[in-house]
Structures are given as C-alpha cells and as structure tokens.
Amino acid sequence: MGLILGRKPGEKLHIIDAQGREIEIEVVKREDEFGNFTQLRINASRVLQIVRGEIHKDSNSN
C-alpha cells in the first residue's frame, strides 16, 4: 500500500510506529523551472535507521 501526498515547503508529515516512535518529515525546499528536486528534513529517534533508496536497493541486491 502506498500514499502520495503533495506538500509545500514548511509542511510536515509524521509517521508513528506501533511502539510510538515517530518520524517527522518536513519539506524544506522545492525547486521548479528545470531544477526539479525537493529537499527534505527527517527527524527520527536514533534507534531508527534512515537509508536513502539507492543505497538500500544496492545493499539488498547481494
């Protein structure tokens, strides 16, 4: 299952697991006009591991 959201800079999304651990994701910058990218700030407990998709994909290909 997936969720697609549109967010503007300054808006946040909170993910909370069954143990009450929370991940806060905030859009901090979005470029338009040929500089098409979004910057995110991710705040999470140190017990949670945050891994970029391309690194996670490479580590699972072994």
Protein backbone atom coordinates (compact mmCIF):
# COMPACT_ATOMS: atom_id res chain seq x y z
CA MET A 1 0.00 0.00 0.00
CA GLY A 2 1.28 3.48 -0.75
CA LEU A 3 0.36 7.09 -0.11
CA ILE A 4 1.07 10.00 -2.42
CA LEU A 5 0.99 13.48 -0.91
CA GLY A 6 1.68 16.95 -2.20
CA ARG A 7 3.49 19.10 0.33
CA LYS A 8 4.73 22.68 0.22
CA PRO A 9 7.92 23.94 1.90
CA GLY A 10 7.34 24.17 5.66
CA GLU A 11 4.67 21.44 5.67
CA LYS A 12 5.33 18.25 7.62
CA LEU A 13 4.36 14.60 7.67
CA HIS A 14 4.53 12.39 10.79
CA ILE A 15 4.94 8.61 10.74
CA ILE A 16 4.36 6.83 14.06
CA ASP A 17 5.01 3.11 14.53
CA ALA A 18 3.26 0.69 16.89
CA GLN A 19 5.79 1.43 19.67
CA GLY A 20 5.07 5.15 19.46
CA ARG A 21 8.37 6.03 17.76
CA GLU A 22 7.90 8.99 15.46
CA ILE A 23 9.50 10.13 12.23
CA GLU A 24 8.87 13.73 11.20
CA ILE A 25 9.46 14.65 7.56
CA GLU A 26 9.43 18.31 6.55
CA VAL A 27 9.73 19.80 3.06
CA VAL A 28 12.38 22.49 3.39
CA LYS A 29 12.97 23.45 -0.26
CA ARG A 30 11.49 22.70 -3.64
CA GLU A 31 12.94 23.84 -6.96
CA ASP A 32 10.98 24.44 -10.13
CA GLU A 33 11.90 25.66 -13.63
CA PHE A 34 14.32 22.90 -14.71
CA GLY A 35 15.80 22.48 -11.21
CA ASN A 36 13.26 19.81 -10.36
CA PHE A 37 14.10 18.49 -6.87
CA THR A 38 12.82 18.56 -3.32
CA GLN A 39 14.84 18.76 -0.09
CA LEU A 40 13.51 17.05 3.00
CA ARG A 41 14.41 17.27 6.68
CA ILE A 42 13.90 13.97 8.52
CA ASN A 43 13.80 13.86 12.32
CA ALA A 44 13.70 10.43 13.96
CA SER A 45 14.86 8.60 17.04
CA ARG A 46 18.43 7.28 16.81
CA VAL A 47 17.06 3.73 17.17
CA LEU A 48 15.52 4.07 13.69
CA GLN A 49 17.74 3.72 10.65
CA ILE A 50 17.19 6.12 7.75
CA VAL A 51 18.70 4.94 4.45
CA ARG A 52 18.49 6.59 1.01
CA GLY A 53 16.66 4.46 -1.55
CA GLU A 54 19.62 3.92 -3.89
CA ILE A 55 21.80 2.68 -1.02
CA HIS A 56 19.05 0.40 0.35
CA LYS A 57 18.46 -1.06 -3.11
CA ASP A 58 22.19 -1.78 -3.60
CA SER A 59 22.53 -3.47 -0.20
CA ASN A 60 19.56 -5.77 -0.95
CA SER A 61 20.97 -6.95 -4.30
CA ASN A 62 23.59 -9.26 -2.70
